[in-house]
Amino acid sequence: MELMLVTLIITFFLSFLFLAPRFIKSDQNKKVHLHAANTKTLKAYNKVEVSLHNKRTDCWIIIKDKVYDVTPYVEEHPGGDAILAHAGDDSTEGFFGPQHATRVFDMIDDFYIGELEK
């Protein structure tokens, strides 16, 4: 009986260790997205304007002629600095690459700030 109780407690503790970081990170991502959604100002941008935002602390990308300010997401990006490879430029090809799960297609909308001028 005691062995069963100890096993149950250890199982609960290990489950908590593995699952807690996922919930915490998920909550942090929600805060990042809420911040981006609350600061949106939509307009049209040209490529020169977008190209000026090419740093970790000021990162815009273009995906299918739409402009996104992903600055709040740079540090959270699971692929690390890969998001900076096309900072200030067109990221369409990389965005639709096989490394991204389908949830990123929903997440990106939170960072939308405008259209690319033709």
PDB file of N, CA and C in Angstrom:
ATOM      1  N   MET A   1       0.818  -1.189   0.000  1.00  0.00           N
ATOM      2  CA  MET A   1       0.000   0.000   0.000  1.00  0.00           C
ATOM      3  C   MET A   1       0.873   1.270   0.000  1.00  0.00           C
ATOM      4  N   GLU A   2       1.890   1.253   0.848  1.00  0.00           N
ATOM      5  CA  GLU A   2       2.780   2.416   0.920  1.00  0.00           C
ATOM      6  C   GLU A   2       3.533   2.612  -0.386  1.00  0.00           C
ATOM      7  N   LEU A   3       3.954   1.514  -0.981  1.00  0.00           N
ATOM      8  CA  LEU A   3       4.666   1.573  -2.256  1.00  0.00           C
ATOM      9  C   LEU A   3       3.774   2.188  -3.338  1.00  0.00           C
ATOM     10  N   MET A   4       2.504   1.834  -3.319  1.00  0.00           N
ATOM     11  CA  MET A   4       1.545   2.381  -4.285  1.00  0.00           C
ATOM     12  C   MET A   4       1.379   3.889  -4.081  1.00  0.00           C
ATOM     13  N   LEU A   5       1.295   4.329  -2.863  1.00  0.00           N
ATOM     14  CA  LEU A   5       1.144   5.744  -2.545  1.00  0.00           C
ATOM     15  C   LEU A   5       2.384   6.532  -2.956  1.00  0.00           C
ATOM     16  N   VAL A   6       3.563   6.015  -2.675  1.00  0.00           N
ATOM     17  CA  VAL A   6       4.815   6.664  -3.060  1.00  0.00           C
ATOM     18  C   VAL A   6       4.911   6.753  -4.582  1.00  0.00           C
ATOM     19  N   THR A   7       4.547   5.673  -5.275  1.00  0.00           N
ATOM     20  CA  THR A   7       4.574   5.656  -6.737  1.00  0.00           C
ATOM     21  C   THR A   7       3.613   6.699  -7.296  1.00  0.00           C
ATOM     22  N   LEU A   8       2.448   6.810  -6.718  1.00  0.00           N
ATOM     23  CA  LEU A   8       1.452   7.795  -7.159  1.00  0.00           C
ATOM     24  C   LEU A   8       1.973   9.216  -6.964  1.00  0.00           C
ATOM     25  N   ILE A   9       2.585   9.497  -5.840  1.00  0.00           N
ATOM     26  CA  ILE A   9       3.125  10.831  -5.560  1.00  0.00           C
ATOM     27  C   ILE A   9       4.258  11.165  -6.527  1.00  0.00           C
ATOM     28  N   ILE A  10       5.147  10.217  -6.766  1.00  0.00           N
ATOM     29  CA  ILE A  10       6.257  10.444  -7.694  1.00  0.00           C
ATOM     30  C   ILE A  10       5.722  10.676  -9.103  1.00  0.00           C
ATOM     31  N   THR A  11       4.740   9.900  -9.517  1.00  0.00           N
ATOM     32  CA  THR A  11       4.138  10.074 -10.844  1.00  0.00           C
ATOM     33  C   THR A  11       3.508  11.452 -10.984  1.00  0.00           C
ATOM     34  N   PHE A  12       2.791  11.879  -9.959  1.00  0.00           N
ATOM     35  CA  PHE A  12       2.179  13.208  -9.976  1.00  0.00           C
ATOM     36  C   PHE A  12       3.252  14.300 -10.075  1.00  0.00           C
ATOM     37  N   PHE A  13       4.300  14.172  -9.300  1.00  0.00           N
ATOM     38  CA  PHE A  13       5.379  15.158  -9.298  1.00  0.00           C
ATOM     39  C   PHE A  13       6.064  15.225 -10.656  1.00  0.00           C
ATOM     40  N   LEU A  14       6.376  14.077 -11.245  1.00  0.00           N
ATOM     41  CA  LEU A  14       7.026  14.050 -12.561  1.00  0.00           C
ATOM     42  C   LEU A  14       6.110  14.609 -13.647  1.00  0.00           C
ATOM     43  N   SER A  15       4.840  14.308 -13.565  1.00  0.00           N
ATOM     44  CA  SER A  15       3.877  14.857 -14.531  1.00  0.00           C
ATOM     45  C   SER A  15       3.857  16.376 -14.447  1.00  0.00           C
ATOM     46  N   PHE A  16       3.862  16.888 -13.251  1.00  0.00           N
ATOM     47  CA  PHE A  16       3.868  18.342 -13.058  1.00  0.00           C
ATOM     48  C   PHE A  16       5.117  18.971 -13.662  1.00  0.00           C
ATOM     49  N   LEU A  17       6.273  18.339 -13.467  1.00  0.00           N
ATOM     50  CA  LEU A  17       7.523  18.872 -14.009  1.00  0.00           C
ATOM     51  C   LEU A  17       7.508  18.937 -15.530  1.00  0.00           C
ATOM     52  N   PHE A  18       6.894  17.961 -16.168  1.00  0.00           N
ATOM     53  CA  PHE A  18       6.864  17.927 -17.626  1.00  0.00           C
ATOM     54  C   PHE A  18       5.771  18.815 -18.212  1.00  0.00           C
ATOM     55  N   LEU A  19       4.655  18.942 -17.533  1.00  0.00           N
ATOM     56  CA  LEU A  19       3.527  19.682 -18.094  1.00  0.00           C
ATOM     57  C   LEU A  19       3.512  21.165 -17.720  1.00  0.00           C
ATOM     58  N   ALA A  20       4.017  21.518 -16.577  1.00  0.00           N
ATOM     59  CA  ALA A  20       3.976  22.906 -16.116  1.00  0.00           C
ATOM     60  C   ALA A  20       4.667  23.873 -17.078  1.00  0.00           C
ATOM     61  N   PRO A  21       5.864  23.581 -17.601  1.00  0.00           N
ATOM     62  CA  PRO A  21       6.500  24.530 -18.515  1.00  0.00           C
ATOM     63  C   PRO A  21       5.671  24.790 -19.768  1.00  0.00           C
ATOM     64  N   ARG A  22       4.955  23.800 -20.228  1.00  0.00           N
ATOM     65  CA  ARG A  22       4.115  24.007 -21.419  1.00  0.00           C
ATOM     66  C   ARG A  22       3.007  24.997 -21.146  1.00  0.00           C
ATOM     67  N   PHE A  23       2.384  24.891 -19.977  1.00  0.00           N
ATOM     68  CA  PHE A  23       1.308  25.810 -19.646  1.00  0.00           C
ATOM     69  C   PHE A  23       1.837  27.211 -19.401  1.00  0.00           C
ATOM     70  N   ILE A  24       2.969  27.315 -18.763  1.00  0.00           N
ATOM     71  CA  ILE A  24       3.567  28.629 -18.492  1.00  0.00           C
ATOM     72  C   ILE A  24       3.957  29.301 -19.789  1.00  0.00           C
ATOM     73  N   LYS A  25       4.622  28.594 -20.698  1.00  0.00           N
ATOM     74  CA  LYS A  25       5.033  29.175 -21.970  1.00  0.00           C
ATOM     75  C   LYS A  25       3.813  29.575 -22.787  1.00  0.00           C
ATOM     76  N   SER A  26       2.786  28.750 -22.780  1.00  0.00           N
ATOM     77  CA  SER A  26       1.562  29.055 -23.513  1.00  0.00           C
ATOM     78  C   SER A  26       0.959  30.355 -22.996  1.00  0.00           C
ATOM     79  N   ASP A  27       0.967  30.545 -21.683  1.00  0.00           N
ATOM     80  CA  ASP A  27       0.433  31.770 -21.092  1.00  0.00           C
ATOM     81  C   ASP A  27       1.276  32.971 -21.494  1.00  0.00           C
ATOM     82  N   GLN A  28       2.598  32.817 -21.567  1.00  0.00           N
ATOM     83  CA  GLN A  28       3.468  33.912 -21.992  1.00  0.00           C
ATOM     84  C   GLN A  28       3.189  34.292 -23.436  1.00  0.00           C
ATOM     85  N   ASN A  29       2.979  33.296 -24.312  1.00  0.00           N
ATOM     86  CA  ASN A  29       2.672  33.578 -25.713  1.00  0.00           C
ATOM     87  C   ASN A  29       1.378  34.361 -25.842  1.00  0.00           C
ATOM     88  N   LYS A  30       0.392  34.038 -25.013  1.00  0.00           N
ATOM     89  CA  LYS A  30      -0.880  34.763 -25.055  1.00  0.00           C
ATOM     90  C   LYS A  30      -0.658  36.230 -24.709  1.00  0.00           C
ATOM     91  N   LYS A  31       0.197  36.502 -23.722  1.00  0.00           N
ATOM     92  CA  LYS A  31       0.479  37.886 -23.343  1.00  0.00           C
ATOM     93  C   LYS A  31       1.159  38.631 -24.488  1.00  0.00           C
ATOM     94  N   VAL A  32       2.091  37.974 -25.160  1.00  0.00           N
ATOM     95  CA  VAL A  32       2.782  38.594 -26.295  1.00  0.00           C
ATOM     96  C   VAL A  32       1.786  38.937 -27.380  1.00  0.00           C
ATOM     97  N   HIS A  33       0.871  38.004 -27.689  1.00  0.00           N
ATOM     98  CA  HIS A  33      -0.101  38.233 -28.746  1.00  0.00           C
ATOM     99  C   HIS A  33      -1.091  39.328 -28.368  1.00  0.00           C
ATOM    100  N   LEU A  34      -1.491  39.360 -27.109  1.00  0.00           N
ATOM    101  CA  LEU A  34      -2.413  40.399 -26.677  1.00  0.00           C
ATOM    102  C   LEU A  34      -1.765  41.771 -26.816  1.00  0.00           C
ATOM    103  N   HIS A  35      -0.489  41.879 -26.468  1.00  0.00           N
ATOM    104  CA  HIS A  35       0.223  43.144 -26.592  1.00  0.00           C
ATOM    105  C   HIS A  35       0.246  43.595 -28.051  1.00  0.00           C
ATOM    106  N   ALA A  36       0.575  42.690 -28.944  1.00  0.00           N
ATOM    107  CA  ALA A  36       0.651  43.031 -30.369  1.00  0.00           C
ATOM    108  C   ALA A  36      -0.720  43.425 -30.901  1.00  0.00           C
ATOM    109  N   ALA A  37      -1.759  42.733 -30.473  1.00  0.00           N
ATOM    110  CA  ALA A  37      -3.104  43.023 -30.967  1.00  0.00           C
ATOM    111  C   ALA A  37      -3.583  44.393 -30.480  1.00  0.00           C
ATOM    112  N   ASN A  38      -3.168  44.788 -29.294  1.00  0.00           N
ATOM    113  CA  ASN A  38      -3.637  46.056 -28.735  1.00  0.00           C
ATOM    114  C   ASN A  38      -2.911  47.272 -29.293  1.00  0.00           C
ATOM    115  N   THR A  39      -1.797  47.084 -29.985  1.00  0.00           N
ATOM    116  CA  THR A  39      -1.024  48.216 -30.471  1.00  0.00           C
ATOM    117  C   THR A  39      -1.056  48.342 -31.993  1.00  0.00           C
ATOM    118  N   LYS A  40      -2.024  47.708 -32.637  1.00  0.00           N
ATOM    119  CA  LYS A  40      -2.094  47.726 -34.098  1.00  0.00           C
ATOM    120  C   LYS A  40      -2.504  49.085 -34.642  1.00  0.00           C
ATOM    121  N   THR A  41      -1.819  49.505 -35.681  1.00  0.00           N
ATOM    122  CA  THR A  41      -2.190  50.662 -36.480  1.00  0.00           C
ATOM    123  C   THR A  41      -1.988  50.232 -37.924  1.00  0.00           C
ATOM    124  N   LEU A  42      -3.083  50.041 -38.643  1.00  0.00           N
ATOM    125  CA  LEU A  42      -2.997  49.517 -39.989  1.00  0.00           C
ATOM    126  C   LEU A  42      -2.752  50.623 -41.003  1.00  0.00           C
ATOM    127  N   LYS A  43      -1.854  50.363 -41.941  1.00  0.00           N
ATOM    128  CA  LYS A  43      -1.605  51.274 -43.039  1.00  0.00           C
ATOM    129  C   LYS A  43      -0.835  50.546 -44.125  1.00  0.00           C
ATOM    130  N   ALA A  44      -0.465  51.248 -45.161  1.00  0.00           N
ATOM    131  CA  ALA A  44       0.325  50.658 -46.245  1.00  0.00           C
ATOM    132  C   ALA A  44       1.789  51.065 -46.061  1.00  0.00           C
ATOM    133  N   TYR A  45       2.688  50.120 -46.267  1.00  0.00           N
ATOM    134  CA  TYR A  45       4.121  50.360 -46.116  1.00  0.00           C
ATOM    135  C   TYR A  45       4.825  49.996 -47.422  1.00  0.00           C
ATOM    136  N   ASN A  46       5.889  50.729 -47.729  1.00  0.00           N
ATOM    137  CA  ASN A  46       6.684  50.329 -48.897  1.00  0.00           C
ATOM    138  C   ASN A  46       7.873  49.490 -48.408  1.00  0.00           C
ATOM    139  N   LYS A  47       8.581  48.863 -49.346  1.00  0.00           N
ATOM    140  CA  LYS A  47       9.683  47.964 -48.981  1.00  0.00           C
ATOM    141  C   LYS A  47      10.804  48.688 -48.242  1.00  0.00           C
ATOM    142  N   VAL A  48      11.032  49.947 -48.588  1.00  0.00           N
ATOM    143  CA  VAL A  48      12.088  50.704 -47.914  1.00  0.00           C
ATOM    144  C   VAL A  48      11.735  50.894 -46.440  1.00  0.00           C
ATOM    145  N   GLU A  49      10.477  51.246 -46.153  1.00  0.00           N
ATOM    146  CA  GLU A  49      10.047  51.411 -44.765  1.00  0.00           C
ATOM    147  C   GLU A  49      10.213  50.107 -43.981  1.00  0.00           C
ATOM    148  N   VAL A  50       9.799  49.022 -44.575  1.00  0.00           N
ATOM    149  CA  VAL A  50       9.891  47.730 -43.897  1.00  0.00           C
ATOM    150  C   VAL A  50      11.356  47.349 -43.667  1.00  0.00           C
ATOM    151  N   SER A  51      12.201  47.626 -44.631  1.00  0.00           N
ATOM    152  CA  SER A  51      13.618  47.234 -44.523  1.00  0.00           C
ATOM    153  C   SER A  51      14.338  47.904 -43.351  1.00  0.00           C
ATOM    154  N   LEU A  52      13.815  49.005 -42.862  1.00  0.00           N
ATOM    155  CA  LEU A  52      14.430  49.700 -41.727  1.00  0.00           C
ATOM    156  C   LEU A  52      14.215  48.960 -40.404  1.00  0.00           C
ATOM    157  N   HIS A  53      13.267  48.037 -40.395  1.00  0.00           N
ATOM    158  CA  HIS A  53      12.910  47.299 -39.179  1.00  0.00           C
ATOM    159  C   HIS A  53      13.524  45.895 -39.263  1.00  0.00           C
ATOM    160  N   ASN A  54      14.836  45.835 -39.131  1.00  0.00           N
ATOM    161  CA  ASN A  54      15.565  44.588 -39.387  1.00  0.00           C
ATOM    162  C   ASN A  54      16.435  44.138 -38.215  1.00  0.00           C
ATOM    163  N   LYS A  55      16.006  44.476 -37.007  1.00  0.00           N
ATOM    164  CA  LYS A  55      16.794  44.129 -35.819  1.00  0.00           C
ATOM    165  C   LYS A  55      15.961  43.296 -34.850  1.00  0.00           C
ATOM    166  N   ARG A  56      16.642  42.672 -33.928  1.00  0.00           N
ATOM    167  CA  ARG A  56      15.977  41.882 -32.884  1.00  0.00           C
ATOM    168  C   ARG A  56      14.979  42.738 -32.105  1.00  0.00           C
ATOM    169  N   THR A  57      15.329  43.982 -31.864  1.00  0.00           N
ATOM    170  CA  THR A  57      14.479  44.863 -31.070  1.00  0.00           C
ATOM    171  C   THR A  57      13.477  45.651 -31.921  1.00  0.00           C
ATOM    172  N   ASP A  58      13.489  45.436 -33.205  1.00  0.00           N
ATOM    173  CA  ASP A  58      12.575  46.116 -34.130  1.00  0.00           C
ATOM    174  C   ASP A  58      12.505  45.269 -35.401  1.00  0.00           C
ATOM    175  N   CYS A  59      11.618  44.284 -35.389  1.00  0.00           N
ATOM    176  CA  CYS A  59      11.609  43.271 -36.437  1.00  0.00           C
ATOM    177  C   CYS A  59      10.261  43.203 -37.159  1.00  0.00           C
ATOM    178  N   TRP A  60      10.270  43.621 -38.425  1.00  0.00           N
ATOM    179  CA  TRP A  60       9.092  43.502 -39.274  1.00  0.00           C
ATOM    180  C   TRP A  60       9.407  42.502 -40.374  1.00  0.00           C
ATOM    181  N   ILE A  61       8.387  41.784 -40.807  1.00  0.00           N
ATOM    182  CA  ILE A  61       8.548  40.864 -41.927  1.00  0.00           C
ATOM    183  C   ILE A  61       7.371  41.020 -42.883  1.00  0.00           C
ATOM    184  N   ILE A  62       7.575  40.569 -44.112  1.00  0.00           N
ATOM    185  CA  ILE A  62       6.529  40.584 -45.132  1.00  0.00           C
ATOM    186  C   ILE A  62       6.179  39.134 -45.441  1.00  0.00           C
ATOM    187  N   ILE A  63       4.872  38.843 -45.432  1.00  0.00           N
ATOM    188  CA  ILE A  63       4.389  37.522 -45.827  1.00  0.00           C
ATOM    189  C   ILE A  63       3.213  37.738 -46.759  1.00  0.00           C
ATOM    190  N   LYS A  64       3.374  37.302 -47.986  1.00  0.00           N
ATOM    191  CA  LYS A  64       2.331  37.445 -49.010  1.00  0.00           C
ATOM    192  C   LYS A  64       1.794  38.874 -49.071  1.00  0.00           C
ATOM    193  N   ASP A  65       2.689  39.846 -49.206  1.00  0.00           N
ATOM    194  CA  ASP A  65       2.361  41.263 -49.348  1.00  0.00           C
ATOM    195  C   ASP A  65       1.624  41.866 -48.149  1.00  0.00           C
ATOM    196  N   LYS A  66       1.748  41.230 -46.999  1.00  0.00           N
ATOM    197  CA  LYS A  66       1.224  41.790 -45.759  1.00  0.00           C
ATOM    198  C   LYS A  66       2.401  42.024 -44.829  1.00  0.00           C
ATOM    199  N   VAL A  67       2.338  43.086 -44.053  1.00  0.00           N
ATOM    200  CA  VAL A  67       3.438  43.468 -43.165  1.00  0.00           C
ATOM    201  C   VAL A  67       3.075  43.100 -41.723  1.00  0.00           C
ATOM    202  N   TYR A  68       4.040  42.499 -41.043  1.00  0.00           N
ATOM    203  CA  TYR A  68       3.842  42.057 -39.665  1.00  0.00           C
ATOM    204  C   TYR A  68       4.974  42.582 -38.783  1.00  0.00           C
ATOM    205  N   ASP A  69       4.617  43.121 -37.633  1.00  0.00           N
ATOM    206  CA  ASP A  69       5.610  43.528 -36.639  1.00  0.00           C
ATOM    207  C   ASP A  69       5.730  42.381 -35.647  1.00  0.00           C
ATOM    208  N   VAL A  70       6.761  41.566 -35.811  1.00  0.00           N
ATOM    209  CA  VAL A  70       6.942  40.383 -34.966  1.00  0.00           C
ATOM    210  C   VAL A  70       7.937  40.619 -33.831  1.00  0.00           C
ATOM    211  N   THR A  71       8.260  41.880 -33.575  1.00  0.00           N
ATOM    212  CA  THR A  71       9.224  42.218 -32.519  1.00  0.00           C
ATOM    213  C   THR A  71       8.910  41.534 -31.192  1.00  0.00           C
ATOM    214  N   PRO A  72       7.654  41.562 -30.722  1.00  0.00           N
ATOM    215  CA  PRO A  72       7.389  40.927 -29.424  1.00  0.00           C
ATOM    216  C   PRO A  72       7.573  39.410 -29.436  1.00  0.00           C
ATOM    217  N   TYR A  73       7.625  38.809 -30.625  1.00  0.00           N
ATOM    218  CA  TYR A  73       7.714  37.357 -30.740  1.00  0.00           C
ATOM    219  C   TYR A  73       9.140  36.854 -30.973  1.00  0.00           C
ATOM    220  N   VAL A  74      10.052  37.738 -31.297  1.00  0.00           N
ATOM    221  CA  VAL A  74      11.420  37.320 -31.644  1.00  0.00           C
ATOM    222  C   VAL A  74      12.033  36.436 -30.557  1.00  0.00           C
ATOM    223  N   GLU A  75      11.948  36.829 -29.321  1.00  0.00           N
ATOM    224  CA  GLU A  75      12.557  36.060 -28.228  1.00  0.00           C
ATOM    225  C   GLU A  75      11.812  34.755 -27.950  1.00  0.00           C
ATOM    226  N   GLU A  76      10.536  34.685 -28.321  1.00  0.00           N
ATOM    227  CA  GLU A  76       9.727  33.496 -28.082  1.00  0.00           C
ATOM    228  C   GLU A  76       9.809  32.499 -29.232  1.00  0.00           C
ATOM    229  N   HIS A  77      10.377  32.906 -30.358  1.00  0.00           N
ATOM    230  CA  HIS A  77      10.390  32.073 -31.561  1.00  0.00           C
ATOM    231  C   HIS A  77      11.093  30.746 -31.291  1.00  0.00           C
ATOM    232  N   PRO A  78      10.391  29.619 -31.484  1.00  0.00           N
ATOM    233  CA  PRO A  78      10.998  28.314 -31.205  1.00  0.00           C
ATOM    234  C   PRO A  78      12.216  28.010 -32.073  1.00  0.00           C
ATOM    235  N   GLY A  79      12.316  28.646 -33.236  1.00  0.00           N
ATOM    236  CA  GLY A  79      13.458  28.428 -34.118  1.00  0.00           C
ATOM    237  C   GLY A  79      14.610  29.369 -33.829  1.00  0.00           C
ATOM    238  N   GLY A  80      14.575  30.017 -32.683  1.00  0.00           N
ATOM    239  CA  GLY A  80      15.650  30.932 -32.301  1.00  0.00           C
ATOM    240  C   GLY A  80      15.773  32.110 -33.245  1.00  0.00           C
ATOM    241  N   ASP A  81      16.996  32.408 -33.639  1.00  0.00           N
ATOM    242  CA  ASP A  81      17.261  33.572 -34.477  1.00  0.00           C
ATOM    243  C   ASP A  81      16.878  33.390 -35.938  1.00  0.00           C
ATOM    244  N   ALA A  82      16.339  32.241 -36.305  1.00  0.00           N
ATOM    245  CA  ALA A  82      15.940  32.016 -37.697  1.00  0.00           C
ATOM    246  C   ALA A  82      14.933  33.064 -38.158  1.00  0.00           C
ATOM    247  N   ILE A  83      14.153  33.571 -37.249  1.00  0.00           N
ATOM    248  CA  ILE A  83      13.153  34.587 -37.589  1.00  0.00           C
ATOM    249  C   ILE A  83      13.835  35.879 -38.058  1.00  0.00           C
ATOM    250  N   LEU A  84      15.086  36.079 -37.659  1.00  0.00           N
ATOM    251  CA  LEU A  84      15.812  37.296 -38.030  1.00  0.00           C
ATOM    252  C   LEU A  84      16.467  37.204 -39.407  1.00  0.00           C
ATOM    253  N   ALA A  85      16.470  36.017 -40.004  1.00  0.00           N
ATOM    254  CA  ALA A  85      17.130  35.832 -41.297  1.00  0.00           C
ATOM    255  C   ALA A  85      16.547  36.735 -42.383  1.00  0.00           C
ATOM    256  N   HIS A  86      15.257  37.024 -42.288  1.00  0.00           N
ATOM    257  CA  HIS A  86      14.609  37.889 -43.273  1.00  0.00           C
ATOM    258  C   HIS A  86      13.948  39.093 -42.612  1.00  0.00           C
ATOM    259  N   ALA A  87      14.487  39.510 -41.484  1.00  0.00           N
ATOM    260  CA  ALA A  87      13.950  40.690 -40.804  1.00  0.00           C
ATOM    261  C   ALA A  87      14.044  41.891 -41.725  1.00  0.00           C
ATOM    262  N   GLY A  88      12.949  42.609 -41.856  1.00  0.00           N
ATOM    263  CA  GLY A  88      12.913  43.769 -42.734  1.00  0.00           C
ATOM    264  C   GLY A  88      12.753  43.403 -44.199  1.00  0.00           C
ATOM    265  N   ASP A  89      12.414  42.166 -44.469  1.00  0.00           N
ATOM    266  CA  ASP A  89      12.342  41.682 -45.848  1.00  0.00           C
ATOM    267  C   ASP A  89      11.204  40.668 -45.982  1.00  0.00           C
ATOM    268  N   ASP A  90      11.102  40.065 -47.159  1.00  0.00           N
ATOM    269  CA  ASP A  90      10.053  39.092 -47.437  1.00  0.00           C
ATOM    270  C   ASP A  90      10.390  37.743 -46.796  1.00  0.00           C
ATOM    271  N   SER A  91       9.502  37.256 -45.945  1.00  0.00           N
ATOM    272  CA  SER A  91       9.695  35.983 -45.247  1.00  0.00           C
ATOM    273  C   SER A  91       8.700  34.930 -45.706  1.00  0.00           C
ATOM    274  N   THR A  92       8.033  35.165 -46.816  1.00  0.00           N
ATOM    275  CA  THR A  92       6.976  34.261 -47.268  1.00  0.00           C
ATOM    276  C   THR A  92       7.469  32.829 -47.408  1.00  0.00           C
ATOM    277  N   GLU A  93       8.577  32.634 -48.088  1.00  0.00           N
ATOM    278  CA  GLU A  93       9.080  31.279 -48.340  1.00  0.00           C
ATOM    279  C   GLU A  93       9.405  30.556 -47.033  1.00  0.00           C
ATOM    280  N   GLY A  94      10.113  31.221 -46.145  1.00  0.00           N
ATOM    281  CA  GLY A  94      10.465  30.601 -44.864  1.00  0.00           C
ATOM    282  C   GLY A  94       9.255  30.349 -43.991  1.00  0.00           C
ATOM    283  N   PHE A  95       8.291  31.258 -44.031  1.00  0.00           N
ATOM    284  CA  PHE A  95       7.094  31.120 -43.209  1.00  0.00           C
ATOM    285  C   PHE A  95       6.301  29.869 -43.587  1.00  0.00           C
ATOM    286  N   PHE A  96       6.217  29.593 -44.879  1.00  0.00           N
ATOM    287  CA  PHE A  96       5.443  28.446 -45.334  1.00  0.00           C
ATOM    288  C   PHE A  96       6.295  27.180 -45.450  1.00  0.00           C
ATOM    289  N   GLY A  97       7.459  27.181 -44.822  1.00  0.00           N
ATOM    290  CA  GLY A  97       8.337  26.016 -44.844  1.00  0.00           C
ATOM    291  C   GLY A  97       7.802  24.881 -43.981  1.00  0.00           C
ATOM    292  N   PRO A  98       8.386  23.709 -44.127  1.00  0.00           N
ATOM    293  CA  PRO A  98       7.902  22.514 -43.416  1.00  0.00           C
ATOM    294  C   PRO A  98       8.144  22.550 -41.900  1.00  0.00           C
ATOM    295  N   GLN A  99       8.975  23.464 -41.434  1.00  0.00           N
ATOM    296  CA  GLN A  99       9.290  23.526 -40.003  1.00  0.00           C
ATOM    297  C   GLN A  99       8.161  24.111 -39.173  1.00  0.00           C
ATOM    298  N   HIS A 100       7.209  24.786 -39.796  1.00  0.00           N
ATOM    299  CA  HIS A 100       6.142  25.431 -39.043  1.00  0.00           C
ATOM    300  C   HIS A 100       4.906  24.553 -38.921  1.00  0.00           C
ATOM    301  N   ALA A 101       4.408  24.486 -37.711  1.00  0.00           N
ATOM    302  CA  ALA A 101       3.141  23.790 -37.465  1.00  0.00           C
ATOM    303  C   ALA A 101       1.998  24.679 -37.953  1.00  0.00           C
ATOM    304  N   THR A 102       0.850  24.102 -38.152  1.00  0.00           N
ATOM    305  CA  THR A 102      -0.292  24.862 -38.689  1.00  0.00           C
ATOM    306  C   THR A 102      -0.745  25.974 -37.748  1.00  0.00           C
ATOM    307  N   ARG A 103      -0.446  25.888 -36.475  1.00  0.00           N
ATOM    308  CA  ARG A 103      -0.891  26.940 -35.533  1.00  0.00           C
ATOM    309  C   ARG A 103      -0.251  28.295 -35.831  1.00  0.00           C
ATOM    310  N   VAL A 104       0.906  28.322 -36.500  1.00  0.00           N
ATOM    311  CA  VAL A 104       1.553  29.597 -36.799  1.00  0.00           C
ATOM    312  C   VAL A 104       0.725  30.418 -37.782  1.00  0.00           C
ATOM    313  N   PHE A 105      -0.095  29.746 -38.587  1.00  0.00           N
ATOM    314  CA  PHE A 105      -0.933  30.479 -39.528  1.00  0.00           C
ATOM    315  C   PHE A 105      -2.012  31.287 -38.804  1.00  0.00           C
ATOM    316  N   ASP A 106      -2.426  30.825 -37.644  1.00  0.00           N
ATOM    317  CA  ASP A 106      -3.373  31.580 -36.820  1.00  0.00           C
ATOM    318  C   ASP A 106      -2.654  32.638 -35.994  1.00  0.00           C
ATOM    319  N   MET A 107      -1.476  32.313 -35.507  1.00  0.00           N
ATOM    320  CA  MET A 107      -0.726  33.230 -34.646  1.00  0.00           C
ATOM    321  C   MET A 107      -0.289  34.495 -35.379  1.00  0.00           C
ATOM    322  N   ILE A 108       0.086  34.369 -36.645  1.00  0.00           N
ATOM    323  CA  ILE A 108       0.671  35.501 -37.365  1.00  0.00           C
ATOM    324  C   ILE A 108      -0.303  36.678 -37.469  1.00  0.00           C
ATOM    325  N   ASP A 109      -1.580  36.398 -37.498  1.00  0.00           N
ATOM    326  CA  ASP A 109      -2.583  37.468 -37.610  1.00  0.00           C
ATOM    327  C   ASP A 109      -2.489  38.476 -36.470  1.00  0.00           C
ATOM    328  N   ASP A 110      -2.031  38.018 -35.314  1.00  0.00           N
ATOM    329  CA  ASP A 110      -1.903  38.912 -34.159  1.00  0.00           C
ATOM    330  C   ASP A 110      -0.848  39.999 -34.369  1.00  0.00           C
ATOM    331  N   PHE A 111       0.040  39.803 -35.324  1.00  0.00           N
ATOM    332  CA  PHE A 111       1.147  40.730 -35.553  1.00  0.00           C
ATOM    333  C   PHE A 111       0.966  41.589 -36.812  1.00  0.00           C
ATOM    334  N   TYR A 112      -0.154  41.434 -37.464  1.00  0.00           N
ATOM    335  CA  TYR A 112      -0.439  42.153 -38.712  1.00  0.00           C
ATOM    336  C   TYR A 112      -0.560  43.654 -38.462  1.00  0.00           C
ATOM    337  N   ILE A 113       0.193  44.469 -39.236  1.00  0.00           N
ATOM    338  CA  ILE A 113       0.111  45.923 -39.065  1.00  0.00           C
ATOM    339  C   ILE A 113      -0.278  46.648 -40.343  1.00  0.00           C
ATOM    340  N   GLY A 114      -0.266  45.965 -41.485  1.00  0.00           N
ATOM    341  CA  GLY A 114      -0.660  46.648 -42.719  1.00  0.00           C
ATOM    342  C   GLY A 114      -0.281  45.879 -43.968  1.00  0.00           C
ATOM    343  N   GLU A 115      -0.531  46.531 -45.093  1.00  0.00           N
ATOM    344  CA  GLU A 115      -0.263  45.943 -46.416  1.00  0.00           C
ATOM    345  C   GLU A 115       1.035  46.504 -46.986  1.00  0.00           C
ATOM    346  N   LEU A 116       1.630  45.742 -47.887  1.00  0.00           N
ATOM    347  CA  LEU A 116       2.783  46.211 -48.620  1.00  0.00           C
ATOM    348  C   LEU A 116       2.290  46.982 -49.832  1.00  0.00           C
ATOM    349  N   GLU A 117       2.815  48.187 -50.028  1.00  0.00           N
ATOM    350  CA  GLU A 117       2.433  48.971 -51.199  1.00  0.00           C
ATOM    351  C   GLU A 117       2.898  48.260 -52.457  1.00  0.00           C
ATOM    352  N   LYS A 118       2.091  48.319 -53.492  1.00  0.00           N
ATOM    353  CA  LYS A 118       2.451  47.704 -54.778  1.00  0.00           C
ATOM    354  C   LYS A 118       3.292  48.646 -55.596  1.00  0.00           C
TER     355      LYS A 118
END
